[in-house]
Protein backbone atom coordinates (compact mmCIF):
# COMPACT_ATOMS: atom_id res chain seq x y z
CA UNK A 1 6.17 2.46 -6.51
CA UNK A 2 6.44 1.48 -2.86
CA UNK A 3 4.61 3.32 -0.08
CA UNK A 4 7.91 4.63 1.31
CA UNK A 5 8.78 6.12 -2.11
CA UNK A 6 5.35 7.73 -2.38
CA UNK A 7 5.70 9.26 1.07
CA UNK A 8 9.06 10.76 0.15
CA UNK A 9 7.60 12.30 -3.02
CA UNK A 10 4.61 13.69 -1.15
CA UNK A 11 6.82 15.28 1.52
CA UNK A 12 8.36 17.56 -1.12
CA UNK A 13 4.99 18.75 -2.46
CA UNK A 14 2.66 21.52 -1.25
CA UNK A 15 0.79 19.95 1.64
CA UNK A 16 -2.52 21.68 0.85
CA UNK A 17 -2.70 20.49 -2.79
CA UNK A 18 -5.41 18.12 -3.98
CA UNK A 19 -4.25 14.64 -4.99
CA UNK A 20 -5.65 13.68 -8.39
CA UNK A 21 -5.42 10.64 -10.67
CA UNK A 22 -4.32 11.04 -14.29
CA UNK A 23 -6.51 8.84 -16.47
CA UNK A 24 -7.06 8.99 -20.21
CA UNK A 25 -4.83 12.04 -20.57
CA UNK A 26 -6.45 14.27 -17.93
CA UNK A 27 -6.98 14.46 -14.19
CA UNK A 28 -10.46 13.00 -13.96
CA UNK A 29 -10.67 11.86 -10.38
CA UNK A 30 -9.63 13.05 -6.95
CA UNK A 31 -8.01 10.62 -4.52
CA UNK A 32 -10.28 10.44 -1.47
CA UNK A 33 -9.72 6.88 -0.23
CA UNK A 34 -6.58 4.83 0.42
CA UNK A 35 -6.47 1.24 1.71
CA UNK A 36 -4.38 -1.89 1.78
CA UNK A 37 -6.20 -4.40 -0.39
CA UNK A 38 -6.67 -8.08 0.39
CA UNK A 39 -3.92 -8.80 -2.15
CA UNK A 40 -1.48 -6.54 -0.27
CA UNK A 41 -1.30 -3.58 -2.67
CA UNK A 42 -2.19 -0.03 -1.64
CA UNK A 43 -5.25 1.20 -3.53
CA UNK A 44 -6.32 4.80 -4.10
CA UNK A 45 -9.82 5.74 -5.20
CA UNK A 46 -12.26 8.60 -5.53
CA UNK A 47 -15.69 8.77 -3.88
CA UNK A 48 -18.34 6.39 -5.18
CA UNK A 49 -15.97 4.21 -7.23
CA UNK A 50 -16.98 0.59 -7.91
CA UNK A 51 -14.60 -2.25 -7.04
CA UNK A 52 -15.52 -5.62 -8.56
CA UNK A 53 -12.49 -7.67 -7.48
CA UNK A 54 -12.29 -9.30 -4.05
CA UNK A 55 -8.49 -9.01 -4.17
CA UNK A 56 -8.63 -5.21 -4.60
CA UNK A 57 -11.14 -4.56 -1.81
CA UNK A 58 -10.26 -3.63 1.76
CA UNK A 59 -10.40 -6.52 4.21
CA UNK A 60 -13.51 -5.07 5.88
CA UNK A 61 -15.46 -4.76 2.59
CA UNK A 62 -18.04 -7.40 1.70
CA UNK A 63 -17.05 -10.11 -0.76
CA UNK A 64 -18.05 -9.89 -4.43
CA UNK A 65 -20.57 -12.66 -3.72
CA UNK A 66 -22.24 -10.50 -1.05
CA UNK A 67 -21.91 -7.21 -2.97
CA UNK A 68 -20.76 -7.54 -6.61
CA UNK A 69 -20.70 -3.74 -7.05
CA UNK A 70 -19.04 -2.60 -3.81
CA UNK A 71 -18.36 1.15 -3.86
CA UNK A 72 -16.26 3.55 -1.88
CA UNK A 73 -18.29 5.97 0.23
CA UNK A 74 -19.40 9.34 -1.10
CA UNK A 75 -18.06 12.68 0.17
CA UNK A 76 -20.57 12.66 3.05
CA UNK A 77 -19.49 9.16 4.13
CA UNK A 78 -22.59 7.43 2.73
CA UNK A 79 -22.82 4.34 0.54
CA UNK A 80 -23.75 5.10 -3.05
CA UNK A 81 -25.65 2.94 -5.52
């Protein structure tokens, strides 16, 4: 799906609904972060999710050499470990 297609789908939905990710048959995680990854894809993630791959990290995130277990921030905007 392209970003433009996603935007069109979202426009038709209730604007105050939570955005969740279906994984393993159920909605397990809320989408709280969105970024363009170093490899050019748009990534969505929940709070405190680990990203191992350099290609999937935002451009401003440390490299996997500097931080092999880089995480998205928590709901209060803090780093988690």
